[in-house]
């Protein structure tokens, strides 16, 4: 487990440093209004701090808690399926649009992880997708128009 923790903390630390480096090139703040790089730098800084905390906790971990990780268990299989679904989602979203792709993804994930009836899964996914679309499109003025079906 220690080896896996060090790998995870290293990957996330490198990712956070990469995001911070890219975000530093964004335009600066203007008259007290934060620039476009503020939010990515903030999130990347939190990721970097979390990676460092994980590395420090792993260094301090006693040998008795260092257990092997089973990469073929049912819980890990759920993670693999979720990651594959997210990759398919990212690939399909520009083609079929945000609303359709997100609704389908949420329906499938809610059904997979919660075992709710189909009608509840569909209702929840459509409500959340439309809420996200309206929040970003209307309130935050972030254009989300891509794909054939919006």
N, C-alpha and C. Protein backbone atom coordinates (compact mmCIF):
# COMPACT_ATOMS: atom_id res chain seq x y z
N UNK A 1 0.82 -1.18 0.00
CA UNK A 1 0.00 0.00 0.00
C UNK A 1 0.87 1.26 0.00
N UNK A 2 2.03 1.17 0.65
CA UNK A 2 2.90 2.33 0.68
C UNK A 2 3.34 2.72 -0.73
N UNK A 3 3.69 1.71 -1.51
CA UNK A 3 4.15 1.98 -2.87
C UNK A 3 3.06 2.66 -3.68
N UNK A 4 1.83 2.18 -3.56
CA UNK A 4 0.70 2.78 -4.29
C UNK A 4 0.45 4.21 -3.83
N UNK A 5 0.54 4.45 -2.53
CA UNK A 5 0.35 5.81 -2.01
C UNK A 5 1.41 6.77 -2.54
N UNK A 6 2.65 6.31 -2.60
CA UNK A 6 3.71 7.17 -3.13
C UNK A 6 3.51 7.46 -4.61
N UNK A 7 3.07 6.46 -5.36
CA UNK A 7 2.82 6.66 -6.79
C UNK A 7 1.68 7.65 -6.99
N UNK A 8 0.59 7.47 -6.24
CA UNK A 8 -0.55 8.37 -6.36
C UNK A 8 -0.18 9.79 -5.96
N UNK A 9 0.52 9.94 -4.85
CA UNK A 9 0.90 11.29 -4.42
C UNK A 9 1.85 11.93 -5.42
N UNK A 10 2.77 11.17 -5.98
CA UNK A 10 3.68 11.72 -6.98
C UNK A 10 2.99 12.15 -8.25
N UNK A 11 2.05 11.32 -8.73
CA UNK A 11 1.31 11.66 -9.95
C UNK A 11 0.47 12.91 -9.73
N UNK A 12 -0.23 12.98 -8.62
CA UNK A 12 -1.07 14.15 -8.36
C UNK A 12 -0.23 15.41 -8.10
N UNK A 13 0.92 15.28 -7.45
CA UNK A 13 1.79 16.43 -7.25
C UNK A 13 2.30 16.96 -8.59
N UNK A 14 2.71 16.06 -9.47
CA UNK A 14 3.19 16.47 -10.79
C UNK A 14 2.06 17.13 -11.59
N UNK A 15 0.87 16.55 -11.52
CA UNK A 15 -0.29 17.13 -12.21
C UNK A 15 -0.59 18.53 -11.68
N UNK A 16 -0.56 18.70 -10.37
CA UNK A 16 -0.86 20.01 -9.77
C UNK A 16 0.19 21.04 -10.16
N UNK A 17 1.44 20.66 -10.14
CA UNK A 17 2.51 21.59 -10.54
C UNK A 17 2.35 21.97 -12.01
N UNK A 18 1.99 21.03 -12.85
CA UNK A 18 1.77 21.30 -14.26
C UNK A 18 0.63 22.30 -14.44
N UNK A 19 -0.48 22.11 -13.74
CA UNK A 19 -1.63 23.01 -13.84
C UNK A 19 -1.26 24.41 -13.33
N UNK A 20 -0.53 24.48 -12.24
CA UNK A 20 -0.10 25.78 -11.71
C UNK A 20 0.79 26.49 -12.72
N UNK A 21 1.72 25.76 -13.33
CA UNK A 21 2.62 26.37 -14.32
C UNK A 21 1.85 26.92 -15.51
N UNK A 22 0.87 26.17 -15.98
CA UNK A 22 0.06 26.64 -17.11
C UNK A 22 -0.77 27.85 -16.70
N UNK A 23 -1.37 27.79 -15.52
CA UNK A 23 -2.25 28.87 -15.06
C UNK A 23 -1.51 30.16 -14.77
N UNK A 24 -0.23 30.07 -14.47
CA UNK A 24 0.55 31.29 -14.23
C UNK A 24 0.69 32.13 -15.51
N UNK A 25 0.51 31.51 -16.66
CA UNK A 25 0.59 32.22 -17.92
C UNK A 25 -0.69 32.93 -18.32
N UNK A 26 -1.76 32.72 -17.58
CA UNK A 26 -3.03 33.38 -17.87
C UNK A 26 -2.95 34.86 -17.49
N UNK A 27 -3.83 35.67 -18.04
CA UNK A 27 -3.82 37.10 -17.71
C UNK A 27 -4.01 37.35 -16.21
N UNK A 28 -3.36 38.39 -15.68
CA UNK A 28 -3.48 38.67 -14.24
C UNK A 28 -4.85 39.25 -13.89
N UNK A 29 -5.06 39.41 -12.58
CA UNK A 29 -6.31 40.02 -12.13
C UNK A 29 -6.37 41.47 -12.59
N UNK A 30 -7.59 41.99 -12.65
CA UNK A 30 -7.80 43.33 -13.17
C UNK A 30 -8.69 44.11 -12.21
N UNK A 31 -8.15 45.12 -11.55
CA UNK A 31 -8.90 45.99 -10.64
C UNK A 31 -9.67 45.20 -9.57
N UNK A 32 -9.00 44.28 -8.95
CA UNK A 32 -9.62 43.51 -7.87
C UNK A 32 -10.44 42.32 -8.33
N UNK A 33 -10.64 42.17 -9.64
CA UNK A 33 -11.39 41.03 -10.16
C UNK A 33 -10.38 39.92 -10.45
N UNK A 34 -10.59 38.74 -9.88
CA UNK A 34 -9.62 37.66 -10.10
C UNK A 34 -9.52 37.31 -11.59
N UNK A 35 -8.31 36.97 -12.00
CA UNK A 35 -8.08 36.58 -13.37
C UNK A 35 -8.51 35.14 -13.62
N UNK A 36 -8.42 34.69 -14.86
CA UNK A 36 -8.86 33.34 -15.20
C UNK A 36 -7.98 32.25 -14.59
N UNK A 37 -6.80 32.58 -14.14
CA UNK A 37 -5.92 31.58 -13.56
C UNK A 37 -6.12 31.34 -12.08
N UNK A 38 -6.92 32.17 -11.42
CA UNK A 38 -7.07 32.06 -9.98
C UNK A 38 -7.69 30.72 -9.56
N UNK A 39 -8.78 30.34 -10.19
CA UNK A 39 -9.47 29.12 -9.77
C UNK A 39 -8.63 27.87 -10.04
N UNK A 40 -8.03 27.70 -11.24
CA UNK A 40 -7.18 26.53 -11.44
C UNK A 40 -5.99 26.48 -10.48
N UNK A 41 -5.41 27.65 -10.17
CA UNK A 41 -4.28 27.67 -9.23
C UNK A 41 -4.75 27.27 -7.83
N UNK A 42 -5.91 27.74 -7.43
CA UNK A 42 -6.46 27.39 -6.12
C UNK A 42 -6.71 25.88 -6.02
N UNK A 43 -7.37 25.31 -7.01
CA UNK A 43 -7.66 23.87 -6.99
C UNK A 43 -6.37 23.06 -7.05
N UNK A 44 -5.45 23.45 -7.94
CA UNK A 44 -4.18 22.73 -8.06
C UNK A 44 -3.37 22.83 -6.76
N UNK A 45 -3.44 23.95 -6.08
CA UNK A 45 -2.74 24.09 -4.80
C UNK A 45 -3.32 23.13 -3.76
N UNK A 46 -4.63 23.00 -3.74
CA UNK A 46 -5.27 22.05 -2.81
C UNK A 46 -4.89 20.61 -3.16
N UNK A 47 -4.80 20.31 -4.46
CA UNK A 47 -4.37 18.96 -4.88
C UNK A 47 -2.93 18.72 -4.44
N UNK A 48 -2.07 19.71 -4.62
CA UNK A 48 -0.67 19.58 -4.22
C UNK A 48 -0.54 19.37 -2.72
N UNK A 49 -1.29 20.14 -1.93
CA UNK A 49 -1.26 19.98 -0.48
C UNK A 49 -1.75 18.58 -0.09
N UNK A 50 -2.82 18.10 -0.74
CA UNK A 50 -3.34 16.76 -0.45
C UNK A 50 -2.31 15.69 -0.80
N UNK A 51 -1.62 15.87 -1.92
CA UNK A 51 -0.59 14.89 -2.31
C UNK A 51 0.55 14.87 -1.31
N UNK A 52 0.94 16.04 -0.83
CA UNK A 52 2.01 16.09 0.17
C UNK A 52 1.58 15.48 1.51
N UNK A 53 0.33 15.73 1.90
CA UNK A 53 -0.18 15.13 3.14
C UNK A 53 -0.21 13.61 3.02
N UNK A 54 -0.63 13.10 1.86
CA UNK A 54 -0.65 11.64 1.65
C UNK A 54 0.76 11.07 1.73
N UNK A 55 1.73 11.74 1.12
CA UNK A 55 3.11 11.25 1.15
C UNK A 55 3.65 11.26 2.59
N UNK A 56 3.37 12.31 3.34
CA UNK A 56 3.85 12.38 4.72
C UNK A 56 3.19 11.31 5.59
N UNK A 57 1.88 11.13 5.42
CA UNK A 57 1.18 10.09 6.19
C UNK A 57 1.70 8.70 5.83
N UNK A 58 2.04 8.50 4.57
CA UNK A 58 2.56 7.21 4.15
C UNK A 58 3.94 6.97 4.75
N UNK A 59 4.75 8.00 4.82
CA UNK A 59 6.07 7.85 5.46
C UNK A 59 5.94 7.49 6.93
N UNK A 60 4.93 8.01 7.58
CA UNK A 60 4.73 7.77 9.02
C UNK A 60 3.92 6.51 9.29
N UNK A 61 3.46 5.82 8.25
CA UNK A 61 2.61 4.64 8.41
C UNK A 61 3.42 3.48 9.00
N UNK A 62 2.90 2.85 10.07
CA UNK A 62 3.61 1.69 10.62
C UNK A 62 3.52 0.49 9.68
N UNK A 63 4.48 -0.39 9.83
CA UNK A 63 4.52 -1.58 8.96
C UNK A 63 3.26 -2.43 9.07
N UNK A 64 2.62 -2.43 10.22
CA UNK A 64 1.43 -3.26 10.42
C UNK A 64 0.25 -2.82 9.55
N UNK A 65 0.23 -1.55 9.15
CA UNK A 65 -0.87 -1.07 8.31
C UNK A 65 -0.56 -1.13 6.82
N UNK A 66 0.63 -1.55 6.48
CA UNK A 66 1.04 -1.65 5.08
C UNK A 66 0.51 -2.97 4.53
N UNK A 67 -0.66 -2.91 3.89
CA UNK A 67 -1.30 -4.11 3.36
C UNK A 67 -1.22 -4.13 1.84
N UNK A 68 -1.39 -5.30 1.28
CA UNK A 68 -1.40 -5.44 -0.18
C UNK A 68 -2.74 -4.97 -0.73
N UNK A 69 -2.71 -4.49 -1.96
CA UNK A 69 -3.92 -4.02 -2.61
C UNK A 69 -4.33 -5.05 -3.66
N UNK A 70 -5.58 -5.47 -3.60
CA UNK A 70 -6.11 -6.42 -4.58
C UNK A 70 -6.68 -5.64 -5.76
N UNK A 71 -6.03 -5.70 -6.90
CA UNK A 71 -6.45 -4.94 -8.07
C UNK A 71 -7.53 -5.64 -8.88
N UNK A 72 -8.05 -6.77 -8.37
CA UNK A 72 -9.09 -7.50 -9.10
C UNK A 72 -10.37 -7.67 -8.29
N UNK A 73 -10.50 -6.94 -7.20
CA UNK A 73 -11.69 -7.07 -6.36
C UNK A 73 -12.88 -6.36 -7.02
N UNK A 74 -14.08 -6.60 -6.49
CA UNK A 74 -15.29 -6.00 -7.04
C UNK A 74 -15.27 -4.47 -6.93
N UNK A 75 -14.77 -3.95 -5.81
CA UNK A 75 -14.71 -2.50 -5.64
C UNK A 75 -13.77 -1.85 -6.65
N UNK A 76 -12.65 -2.48 -6.92
CA UNK A 76 -11.71 -1.93 -7.90
C UNK A 76 -12.30 -2.06 -9.30
N UNK A 77 -13.05 -3.10 -9.55
CA UNK A 77 -13.72 -3.26 -10.85
C UNK A 77 -14.69 -2.10 -11.09
N UNK A 78 -15.39 -1.67 -10.05
CA UNK A 78 -16.28 -0.51 -10.17
C UNK A 78 -15.50 0.75 -10.56
N UNK A 79 -14.30 0.91 -10.03
CA UNK A 79 -13.47 2.06 -10.38
C UNK A 79 -13.07 1.98 -11.85
N UNK A 80 -12.67 0.81 -12.32
CA UNK A 80 -12.29 0.64 -13.73
C UNK A 80 -13.46 0.96 -14.65
N UNK A 81 -14.64 0.47 -14.30
CA UNK A 81 -15.83 0.73 -15.13
C UNK A 81 -16.15 2.22 -15.14
N UNK A 82 -16.04 2.87 -13.99
CA UNK A 82 -16.30 4.30 -13.91
C UNK A 82 -15.31 5.09 -14.76
N UNK A 83 -14.04 4.73 -14.70
CA UNK A 83 -13.04 5.42 -15.51
C UNK A 83 -13.28 5.22 -17.00
N UNK A 84 -13.62 4.00 -17.40
CA UNK A 84 -13.91 3.74 -18.80
C UNK A 84 -15.14 4.53 -19.25
N UNK A 85 -16.15 4.60 -18.40
CA UNK A 85 -17.35 5.38 -18.73
C UNK A 85 -17.05 6.85 -18.89
N UNK A 86 -16.18 7.39 -18.05
CA UNK A 86 -15.81 8.80 -18.17
C UNK A 86 -15.03 9.08 -19.45
N UNK A 87 -14.19 8.14 -19.85
CA UNK A 87 -13.46 8.30 -21.11
C UNK A 87 -14.42 8.30 -22.28
N UNK A 88 -15.38 7.39 -22.27
CA UNK A 88 -16.40 7.34 -23.34
C UNK A 88 -17.20 8.64 -23.33
N UNK A 89 -17.55 9.13 -22.16
CA UNK A 89 -18.30 10.38 -22.02
C UNK A 89 -17.54 11.55 -22.64
N UNK A 90 -16.25 11.66 -22.32
CA UNK A 90 -15.44 12.76 -22.84
C UNK A 90 -15.32 12.68 -24.36
N UNK A 91 -15.21 11.48 -24.89
CA UNK A 91 -15.09 11.31 -26.33
C UNK A 91 -16.41 11.63 -27.03
N UNK A 92 -17.53 11.21 -26.45
CA UNK A 92 -18.83 11.40 -27.10
C UNK A 92 -19.42 12.79 -26.92
N UNK A 93 -19.06 13.49 -25.86
CA UNK A 93 -19.70 14.78 -25.58
C UNK A 93 -19.57 15.78 -26.73
N UNK A 94 -18.40 15.96 -27.34
CA UNK A 94 -18.34 16.92 -28.45
C UNK A 94 -19.20 16.50 -29.65
N UNK A 95 -19.44 15.21 -29.78
CA UNK A 95 -20.22 14.72 -30.93
C UNK A 95 -21.73 14.83 -30.70
N UNK A 96 -22.19 14.39 -29.53
CA UNK A 96 -23.64 14.36 -29.32
C UNK A 96 -24.14 15.48 -28.42
N UNK A 97 -23.23 16.24 -27.81
CA UNK A 97 -23.65 17.38 -27.02
C UNK A 97 -23.66 17.13 -25.53
N UNK A 98 -23.61 18.22 -24.79
CA UNK A 98 -23.51 18.16 -23.33
C UNK A 98 -24.75 17.54 -22.70
N UNK A 99 -25.93 18.02 -23.08
CA UNK A 99 -27.15 17.57 -22.41
C UNK A 99 -27.39 16.08 -22.61
N UNK A 100 -27.27 15.61 -23.84
CA UNK A 100 -27.54 14.19 -24.11
C UNK A 100 -26.47 13.32 -23.46
N UNK A 101 -25.20 13.65 -23.66
CA UNK A 101 -24.12 12.82 -23.12
C UNK A 101 -24.15 12.79 -21.59
N UNK A 102 -24.36 13.93 -20.98
CA UNK A 102 -24.37 13.99 -19.51
C UNK A 102 -25.58 13.27 -18.94
N UNK A 103 -26.73 13.42 -19.58
CA UNK A 103 -27.93 12.72 -19.10
C UNK A 103 -27.74 11.21 -19.17
N UNK A 104 -27.21 10.73 -20.27
CA UNK A 104 -26.99 9.28 -20.41
C UNK A 104 -25.98 8.79 -19.38
N UNK A 105 -24.88 9.53 -19.23
CA UNK A 105 -23.86 9.12 -18.27
C UNK A 105 -24.43 9.08 -16.85
N UNK A 106 -25.16 10.11 -16.46
CA UNK A 106 -25.71 10.14 -15.11
C UNK A 106 -26.74 9.03 -14.88
N UNK A 107 -27.58 8.78 -15.87
CA UNK A 107 -28.57 7.69 -15.73
C UNK A 107 -27.85 6.37 -15.47
N UNK A 108 -26.83 6.09 -16.26
CA UNK A 108 -26.12 4.82 -16.12
C UNK A 108 -25.36 4.73 -14.80
N UNK A 109 -24.70 5.81 -14.40
CA UNK A 109 -23.97 5.78 -13.13
C UNK A 109 -24.90 5.69 -11.94
N UNK A 110 -25.98 6.43 -11.96
CA UNK A 110 -26.93 6.38 -10.84
C UNK A 110 -27.52 4.98 -10.73
N UNK A 111 -27.89 4.40 -11.85
CA UNK A 111 -28.45 3.04 -11.83
C UNK A 111 -27.41 2.03 -11.35
N UNK A 112 -26.18 2.17 -11.82
CA UNK A 112 -25.11 1.23 -11.47
C UNK A 112 -24.79 1.27 -9.97
N UNK A 113 -24.70 2.47 -9.42
CA UNK A 113 -24.25 2.60 -8.04
C UNK A 113 -25.37 2.62 -7.01
N UNK A 114 -26.60 2.96 -7.41
CA UNK A 114 -27.64 3.10 -6.39
C UNK A 114 -28.74 2.06 -6.49
N UNK A 115 -28.89 1.42 -7.62
CA UNK A 115 -29.94 0.41 -7.82
C UNK A 115 -31.34 1.00 -7.65
N UNK A 116 -31.50 2.28 -7.99
CA UNK A 116 -32.82 2.91 -7.94
C UNK A 116 -33.62 2.48 -9.17
N UNK A 117 -34.93 2.68 -9.14
CA UNK A 117 -35.73 2.39 -10.34
C UNK A 117 -35.32 3.29 -11.49
N UNK A 118 -35.52 2.79 -12.72
CA UNK A 118 -35.11 3.54 -13.91
C UNK A 118 -35.73 4.93 -13.98
N UNK A 119 -37.00 5.06 -13.62
CA UNK A 119 -37.65 6.36 -13.75
C UNK A 119 -37.01 7.39 -12.83
N UNK A 120 -36.57 6.97 -11.63
CA UNK A 120 -35.89 7.90 -10.72
C UNK A 120 -34.52 8.29 -11.27
N UNK A 121 -33.83 7.33 -11.83
CA UNK A 121 -32.51 7.61 -12.41
C UNK A 121 -32.62 8.62 -13.55
N UNK A 122 -33.61 8.43 -14.40
CA UNK A 122 -33.81 9.34 -15.53
C UNK A 122 -34.20 10.72 -15.03
N UNK A 123 -35.12 10.79 -14.08
CA UNK A 123 -35.56 12.07 -13.54
C UNK A 123 -34.39 12.84 -12.90
N UNK A 124 -33.64 12.17 -12.06
CA UNK A 124 -32.51 12.81 -11.38
C UNK A 124 -31.49 13.30 -12.40
N UNK A 125 -31.15 12.47 -13.37
CA UNK A 125 -30.12 12.86 -14.33
C UNK A 125 -30.55 14.03 -15.21
N UNK A 126 -31.80 14.04 -15.64
CA UNK A 126 -32.28 15.14 -16.48
C UNK A 126 -32.34 16.44 -15.67
N UNK A 127 -32.83 16.38 -14.44
CA UNK A 127 -32.91 17.58 -13.61
C UNK A 127 -31.51 18.15 -13.35
N UNK A 128 -30.56 17.29 -12.97
CA UNK A 128 -29.21 17.77 -12.70
C UNK A 128 -28.53 18.30 -13.96
N UNK A 129 -28.72 17.64 -15.08
CA UNK A 129 -28.09 18.08 -16.32
C UNK A 129 -28.62 19.45 -16.73
N UNK A 130 -29.91 19.63 -16.69
CA UNK A 130 -30.50 20.92 -17.06
C UNK A 130 -30.08 22.00 -16.07
N UNK A 131 -30.02 21.66 -14.78
CA UNK A 131 -29.58 22.64 -13.78
C UNK A 131 -28.14 23.08 -14.03
N UNK A 132 -27.27 22.14 -14.34
CA UNK A 132 -25.87 22.48 -14.64
C UNK A 132 -25.79 23.34 -15.89
N UNK A 133 -26.54 22.94 -16.91
CA UNK A 133 -26.53 23.69 -18.17
C UNK A 133 -27.02 25.13 -17.96
N UNK A 134 -28.10 25.29 -17.21
CA UNK A 134 -28.62 26.63 -16.96
C UNK A 134 -27.70 27.44 -16.05
N UNK A 135 -27.12 26.79 -15.05
CA UNK A 135 -26.21 27.49 -14.14
C UNK A 135 -25.02 28.06 -14.91
N UNK A 136 -24.38 27.22 -15.71
CA UNK A 136 -23.21 27.69 -16.44
C UNK A 136 -23.59 28.61 -17.59
N UNK A 137 -24.67 28.29 -18.31
CA UNK A 137 -25.05 29.09 -19.46
C UNK A 137 -25.67 30.42 -19.12
N UNK A 138 -26.52 30.45 -18.11
CA UNK A 138 -27.26 31.68 -17.80
C UNK A 138 -26.63 32.49 -16.67
N UNK A 139 -26.32 31.84 -15.56
CA UNK A 139 -25.83 32.55 -14.39
C UNK A 139 -24.35 32.92 -14.53
N UNK A 140 -23.53 31.97 -14.93
CA UNK A 140 -22.08 32.21 -15.01
C UNK A 140 -21.62 32.66 -16.39
N UNK A 141 -22.53 32.68 -17.36
CA UNK A 141 -22.24 33.11 -18.73
C UNK A 141 -21.08 32.34 -19.36
N UNK A 142 -21.03 31.05 -19.12
CA UNK A 142 -20.03 30.18 -19.74
C UNK A 142 -20.73 29.45 -20.88
N UNK A 143 -20.31 29.69 -22.11
CA UNK A 143 -20.98 29.02 -23.23
C UNK A 143 -20.70 27.52 -23.22
N UNK A 144 -21.76 26.74 -23.34
CA UNK A 144 -21.63 25.28 -23.36
C UNK A 144 -22.26 24.73 -24.63
N UNK A 145 -22.14 25.41 -25.70
CA UNK A 145 -22.76 25.00 -26.95
C UNK A 145 -21.76 24.22 -27.78
N UNK A 146 -21.79 22.93 -27.67
CA UNK A 146 -20.97 22.10 -28.55
C UNK A 146 -21.69 20.77 -28.74
N UNK A 147 -21.42 20.13 -29.85
CA UNK A 147 -22.08 18.89 -30.18
C UNK A 147 -23.32 19.15 -31.02
N UNK A 148 -23.82 18.10 -31.61
CA UNK A 148 -24.97 18.21 -32.49
C UNK A 148 -26.28 18.46 -31.74
N UNK A 149 -26.41 17.90 -30.57
CA UNK A 149 -27.67 17.96 -29.82
C UNK A 149 -27.59 18.88 -28.60
N UNK A 150 -26.74 19.86 -28.63
CA UNK A 150 -26.47 20.84 -27.57
C UNK A 150 -25.62 20.23 -26.51
